[in-house]
C-alpha atoms as a PDB file:
ATOM      1  CA  MET A   1     124.924  82.716 112.478  1.00  0.00           C
ATOM      2  CA  VAL A   2     122.341  84.086 114.957  1.00  0.00           C
ATOM      3  CA  PHE A   3     123.933  82.269 117.877  1.00  0.00           C
ATOM      4  CA  GLU A   4     127.398  83.474 116.859  1.00  0.00           C
ATOM      5  CA  ARG A   5     126.193  87.087 116.769  1.00  0.00           C
ATOM      6  CA  LEU A   6     124.506  86.722 120.156  1.00  0.00           C
ATOM      7  CA  ALA A   7     127.704  85.292 121.644  1.00  0.00           C
ATOM      8  CA  HIS A   8     129.794  88.043 120.048  1.00  0.00           C
ATOM      9  CA  ALA A   9     127.488  90.657 121.639  1.00  0.00           C
ATOM     10  CA  SER A  10     127.682  88.821 125.019  1.00  0.00           C
ATOM     11  CA  LEU A  11     123.929  88.222 125.002  1.00  0.00           C
ATOM     12  CA  THR A  12     122.199  85.169 126.427  1.00  0.00           C
ATOM     13  CA  LEU A  13     118.848  83.617 125.638  1.00  0.00           C
ATOM     14  CA  ASN A  14     116.200  82.375 128.039  1.00  0.00           C
ATOM     15  CA  LEU A  15     115.241  79.063 126.421  1.00  0.00           C
ATOM     16  CA  ALA A  16     111.843  79.098 128.138  1.00  0.00           C
ATOM     17  CA  ASN A  17     110.998  82.232 126.114  1.00  0.00           C
ATOM     18  CA  CYS A  18     112.482  81.062 122.798  1.00  0.00           C
ATOM     19  CA  GLU A  19     110.809  79.386 119.861  1.00  0.00           C
ATOM     20  CA  VAL A  20     113.167  78.039 117.224  1.00  0.00           C
ATOM     21  CA  GLY A  21     112.241  76.353 113.964  1.00  0.00           C
ATOM     22  CA  LYS A  22     108.495  77.080 114.166  1.00  0.00           C
ATOM     23  CA  ALA A  23     106.539  77.909 111.037  1.00  0.00           C
ATOM     24  CA  ILE A  24     104.179  80.274 112.904  1.00  0.00           C
ATOM     25  CA  VAL A  25     105.104  82.413 115.904  1.00  0.00           C
ATOM     26  CA  THR A  26     103.222  84.871 118.061  1.00  0.00           C
ATOM     27  CA  TYR A  27     104.992  88.211 118.195  1.00  0.00           C
ATOM     28  CA  LEU A  28     103.646  91.391 119.802  1.00  0.00           C
ATOM     29  CA  GLY A  29     100.029  90.213 119.661  1.00  0.00           C
ATOM     30  CA  LYS A  30     100.260  89.019 116.065  1.00  0.00           C
ATOM     31  CA  LYS A  31     100.607  85.563 114.545  1.00  0.00           C
ATOM     32  CA  VAL A  32     103.321  85.637 111.895  1.00  0.00           C
ATOM     33  CA  GLY A  33     104.235  82.848 109.507  1.00  0.00           C
ATOM     34  CA  HIS A  34     103.630  81.180 106.143  1.00  0.00           C
ATOM     35  CA  GLY A  35     103.741  84.628 104.524  1.00  0.00           C
ATOM     36  CA  PHE A  36     100.786  85.952 106.544  1.00  0.00           C
ATOM     37  CA  VAL A  37     100.225  88.230 109.528  1.00  0.00           C
ATOM     38  CA  LYS A  38      97.016  88.117 111.587  1.00  0.00           C
ATOM     39  CA  PRO A  39      95.865  89.165 115.046  1.00  0.00           C
ATOM     40  CA  VAL A  40      95.960  86.696 117.923  1.00  0.00           C
ATOM     41  CA  GLU A  41      92.465  85.235 118.293  1.00  0.00           C
ATOM     42  CA  ALA A  42      92.416  85.583 122.102  1.00  0.00           C
ATOM     43  CA  LYS A  43      93.068  89.334 121.849  1.00  0.00           C
ATOM     44  CA  ILE A  44      90.308  89.807 119.282  1.00  0.00           C
ATOM     45  CA  GLU A  45      87.975  87.734 121.464  1.00  0.00           C
ATOM     46  CA  ALA A  46      88.739  90.036 124.421  1.00  0.00           C
ATOM     47  CA  ILE A  47      87.827  93.065 122.305  1.00  0.00           C
ATOM     48  CA  LEU A  48      84.627  91.406 121.071  1.00  0.00           C
ATOM     49  CA  ASN A  49      83.606  90.626 124.663  1.00  0.00           C
ATOM     50  CA  PHE A  50      84.445  94.120 125.940  1.00  0.00           C
ATOM     51  CA  PRO A  51      81.370  95.618 127.636  1.00  0.00           C
ATOM     52  CA  LYS A  52      79.932  98.954 126.555  1.00  0.00           C
ATOM     53  CA  PRO A  53      82.114 101.682 128.147  1.00  0.00           C
ATOM     54  CA  CYS A  54      80.471 103.718 130.907  1.00  0.00           C
ATOM     55  CA  ASN A  55      83.200 106.311 131.442  1.00  0.00           C
ATOM     56  CA  LYS A  56      86.233 107.833 129.724  1.00  0.00           C
ATOM     57  CA  ARG A  57      88.665 105.405 131.306  1.00  0.00           C
ATOM     58  CA  GLU A  58      86.801 102.378 129.913  1.00  0.00           C
ATOM     59  CA  LEU A  59      86.385 104.096 126.543  1.00  0.00           C
ATOM     60  CA  ARG A  60      90.134 104.843 126.355  1.00  0.00           C
ATOM     61  CA  ARG A  61      90.838 101.229 127.275  1.00  0.00           C
ATOM     62  CA  PHE A  62      88.574  99.945 124.482  1.00  0.00           C
ATOM     63  CA  LEU A  63      90.049 102.382 121.941  1.00  0.00           C
ATOM     64  CA  GLY A  64      93.567 101.388 122.992  1.00  0.00           C
ATOM     65  CA  MET A  65      92.862  97.666 122.725  1.00  0.00           C
ATOM     66  CA  SER A  66      91.099  97.929 119.382  1.00  0.00           C
ATOM     67  CA  GLY A  67      93.434 100.628 118.048  1.00  0.00           C
ATOM     68  CA  TYR A  68      96.400  98.300 118.442  1.00  0.00           C
ATOM     69  CA  TYR A  69      94.977  96.272 115.545  1.00  0.00           C
ATOM     70  CA  ARG A  70      94.040  99.266 113.377  1.00  0.00           C
ATOM     71  CA  GLY A  71      96.655  98.142 110.826  1.00  0.00           C
ATOM     72  CA  PHE A  72      94.343  95.224 109.987  1.00  0.00           C
ATOM     73  CA  CYS A  73      91.244  97.403 109.456  1.00  0.00           C
ATOM     74  CA  LYS A  74      90.289  99.570 106.538  1.00  0.00           C
ATOM     75  CA  ASN A  75      89.218 103.102 107.586  1.00  0.00           C
ATOM     76  CA  PHE A  76      89.435 102.314 111.299  1.00  0.00           C
ATOM     77  CA  SER A  77      89.627 105.968 112.360  1.00  0.00           C
ATOM     78  CA  SER A  78      86.450 106.844 110.443  1.00  0.00           C
ATOM     79  CA  VAL A  79      84.583 104.000 112.114  1.00  0.00           C
ATOM     80  CA  VAL A  80      85.604 105.014 115.655  1.00  0.00           C
ATOM     81  CA  THR A  81      85.244 108.793 115.147  1.00  0.00           C
ATOM     82  CA  PRO A  82      82.018 108.951 117.222  1.00  0.00           C
ATOM     83  CA  LEU A  83      83.885 107.213 120.057  1.00  0.00           C
ATOM     84  CA  THR A  84      86.990 109.402 119.883  1.00  0.00           C
ATOM     85  CA  ASP A  85      84.731 112.474 119.816  1.00  0.00           C
ATOM     86  CA  LEU A  86      83.319 111.369 123.180  1.00  0.00           C
ATOM     87  CA  LEU A  87      86.772 111.787 124.732  1.00  0.00           C
ATOM     88  CA  SER A  88      86.645 115.547 124.144  1.00  0.00           C
ATOM     89  CA  THR A  89      83.373 115.945 126.091  1.00  0.00           C
ATOM     90  CA  SER A  90      83.122 116.425 129.842  1.00  0.00           C
ATOM     91  CA  ARG A  91      81.187 113.166 130.334  1.00  0.00           C
ATOM     92  CA  VAL A  92      80.687 110.077 128.218  1.00  0.00           C
ATOM     93  CA  LYS A  93      77.116 110.427 127.006  1.00  0.00           C
ATOM     94  CA  TRP A  94      76.390 107.234 125.086  1.00  0.00           C
ATOM     95  CA  SER A  95      74.120 107.633 122.072  1.00  0.00           C
ATOM     96  CA  TYR A  96      72.756 105.525 119.239  1.00  0.00           C
ATOM     97  CA  GLU A  97      75.640 106.767 117.056  1.00  0.00           C
ATOM     98  CA  SER A  98      78.176 105.782 119.750  1.00  0.00           C
ATOM     99  CA  ASP A  99      76.613 102.350 120.030  1.00  0.00           C
ATOM    100  CA  ARG A 100      76.757 101.853 116.265  1.00  0.00           C
ATOM    101  CA  ALA A 101      80.421 102.898 116.194  1.00  0.00           C
ATOM    102  CA  PHE A 102      81.247 100.567 119.116  1.00  0.00           C
ATOM    103  CA  GLU A 103      79.636  97.581 117.392  1.00  0.00           C
ATOM    104  CA  ALA A 104      81.086  98.548 113.991  1.00  0.00           C
ATOM    105  CA  ALA A 105      84.608  98.664 115.469  1.00  0.00           C
ATOM    106  CA  LYS A 106      84.130  95.192 116.940  1.00  0.00           C
ATOM    107  CA  ASP A 107      82.732  93.915 113.640  1.00  0.00           C
ATOM    108  CA  LEU A 108      85.615  95.469 111.709  1.00  0.00           C
ATOM    109  CA  LEU A 109      88.134  93.680 113.937  1.00  0.00           C
ATOM    110  CA  CYS A 110      86.214  90.406 113.795  1.00  0.00           C
ATOM    111  CA  ASN A 111      86.185  90.471 109.996  1.00  0.00           C
ATOM    112  CA  ALA A 112      89.643  91.990 109.498  1.00  0.00           C
ATOM    113  CA  PRO A 113      91.466  90.373 106.595  1.00  0.00           C
ATOM    114  CA  VAL A 114      94.619  88.390 107.054  1.00  0.00           C
ATOM    115  CA  LEU A 115      97.524  90.489 105.856  1.00  0.00           C
ATOM    116  CA  ILE A 116     100.277  89.111 103.679  1.00  0.00           C
ATOM    117  CA  ALA A 117     103.877  89.622 104.644  1.00  0.00           C
ATOM    118  CA  PRO A 118     105.496  92.133 102.282  1.00  0.00           C
ATOM    119  CA  ASN A 119     107.560  90.687  99.462  1.00  0.00           C
ATOM    120  CA  PHE A 120     110.165  93.301  98.577  1.00  0.00           C
ATOM    121  CA  ASP A 121     110.813  91.642  95.221  1.00  0.00           C
ATOM    122  CA  LEU A 122     107.266  92.504  94.090  1.00  0.00           C
ATOM    123  CA  GLN A 123     105.748  95.873  93.292  1.00  0.00           C
ATOM    124  CA  PHE A 124     103.588  97.606  95.940  1.00  0.00           C
ATOM    125  CA  LYS A 125     100.414  99.576  95.311  1.00  0.00           C
ATOM    126  CA  LEU A 126      99.226 102.287  97.648  1.00  0.00           C
ATOM    127  CA  GLN A 127      95.574 103.281  97.597  1.00  0.00           C
ATOM    128  CA  VAL A 128      94.708 106.510  99.391  1.00  0.00           C
ATOM    129  CA  ASP A 129      91.476 108.334 100.107  1.00  0.00           C
ATOM    130  CA  ALA A 130      90.536 111.346 102.188  1.00  0.00           C
ATOM    131  CA  SER A 131      87.434 113.138 103.355  1.00  0.00           C
ATOM    132  CA  THR A 132      86.875 116.271 105.410  1.00  0.00           C
ATOM    133  CA  SER A 133      87.252 114.275 108.642  1.00  0.00           C
ATOM    134  CA  GLY A 134      90.266 112.055 107.943  1.00  0.00           C
ATOM    135  CA  ALA A 135      92.476 110.084 105.604  1.00  0.00           C
ATOM    136  CA  GLY A 136      92.989 106.405 104.954  1.00  0.00           C
ATOM    137  CA  ALA A 137      95.341 104.284 102.911  1.00  0.00           C
ATOM    138  CA  PHE A 138      96.229 100.685 102.305  1.00  0.00           C
ATOM    139  CA  LEU A 139      99.272  98.993 100.915  1.00  0.00           C
ATOM    140  CA  ILE A 140      98.641  96.023  98.621  1.00  0.00           C
ATOM    141  CA  GLN A 141     100.585  93.534  96.530  1.00  0.00           C
ATOM    142  CA  GLU A 142      99.527  91.211  93.730  1.00  0.00           C
ATOM    143  CA  ASP A 143     100.283  87.518  93.978  1.00  0.00           C
ATOM    144  CA  ALA A 144     101.377  85.325  91.042  1.00  0.00           C
ATOM    145  CA  HIS A 145      97.719  84.932  89.975  1.00  0.00           C
ATOM    146  CA  GLY A 146      97.075  88.684  89.828  1.00  0.00           C
ATOM    147  CA  ILE A 147      95.020  88.757  93.037  1.00  0.00           C
ATOM    148  CA  GLU A 148      95.597  91.793  95.246  1.00  0.00           C
ATOM    149  CA  HIS A 149      96.242  91.169  98.945  1.00  0.00           C
ATOM    150  CA  PRO A 150      96.481  93.794 101.692  1.00  0.00           C
ATOM    151  CA  VAL A 151      99.861  94.276 103.390  1.00  0.00           C
ATOM    152  CA  SER A 152      98.797  97.016 105.811  1.00  0.00           C
ATOM    153  CA  TYR A 153      96.090  99.604 106.454  1.00  0.00           C
ATOM    154  CA  PHE A 154      96.434 103.157 107.746  1.00  0.00           C
ATOM    155  CA  SER A 155      93.801 105.635 108.833  1.00  0.00           C
ATOM    156  CA  ARG A 156      93.833 108.865 110.769  1.00  0.00           C
ATOM    157  CA  LYS A 157      91.225 111.300 111.941  1.00  0.00           C
ATOM    158  CA  PHE A 158      92.160 114.900 111.174  1.00  0.00           C
ATOM    159  CA  LEU A 159      92.664 117.326 114.043  1.00  0.00           C
ATOM    160  CA  LYS A 160      90.250 120.282 114.260  1.00  0.00           C
ATOM    161  CA  HIS A 161      92.615 122.730 112.522  1.00  0.00           C
ATOM    162  CA  GLN A 162      93.373 120.165 109.794  1.00  0.00           C
ATOM    163  CA  GLN A 163      89.638 119.645 109.184  1.00  0.00           C
ATOM    164  CA  ALA A 164      89.166 123.413 108.836  1.00  0.00           C
ATOM    165  CA  ASN A 165      92.081 123.716 106.367  1.00  0.00           C
ATOM    166  CA  HIS A 166      90.876 120.706 104.380  1.00  0.00           C
ATOM    167  CA  ARG A 167      87.353 122.137 104.041  1.00  0.00           C
ATOM    168  CA  LYS A 168      88.782 125.407 102.682  1.00  0.00           C
ATOM    169  CA  ARG A 169      90.830 123.631 100.023  1.00  0.00           C
ATOM    170  CA  SER A 170      88.662 120.705  98.937  1.00  0.00           C
ATOM    171  CA  PRO A 171      85.093 120.141 100.058  1.00  0.00           C
ATOM    172  CA  GLY A 172      84.822 116.777  98.254  1.00  0.00           C
ATOM    173  CA  LEU A 173      86.267 113.300  98.608  1.00  0.00           C
ATOM    174  CA  THR A 174      89.641 112.555  97.039  1.00  0.00           C
ATOM    175  CA  MET A 175      90.976 109.154  96.103  1.00  0.00           C
ATOM    176  CA  GLY A 176      93.966 107.786  94.272  1.00  0.00           C
ATOM    177  CA  THR A 177      96.199 104.789  93.645  1.00  0.00           C
ATOM    178  CA  ALA A 178      99.950 104.724  93.075  1.00  0.00           C
ATOM    179  CA  ALA A 179     102.289 101.848  92.250  1.00  0.00           C
ATOM    180  CA  PHE A 180     105.920 101.743  93.317  1.00  0.00           C
END
């Protein structure tokens, strides 16, 4: 059916770039197959071996590389907040807090859980939390044995005006879970 649709659309395939009938494939820096999604080990290794950034360009490069896999990491934006804050300064002035955030980001990626592929026949649960600096969420599903597995993570640092509005409304931490 796939080949018929390709022919109907007048598309051709480069066989050197095709993988057919494989149980696990690498796609956009992720290994997908057997119901799981995980980062490619070589990419994670490159992030783990990334030297401490000395300037904004290197810091942006590290944040870009590691941020690509933020969907595998719980509360990624909160962990890298000290690093993203450095981008708004005139010079990168590395501190103990920056160093801790740099190592914590690497550790978070190194220990990131393997995600399950979503099963649209099963119910999803969404767990959300927020603080004055950002928000995070993760999508989970239960397997047949009642064990919850992550499908995806989301986190975002609030912009300055959002932080100010959030502090006015709710000075505390909020958290919730919804099933759908």
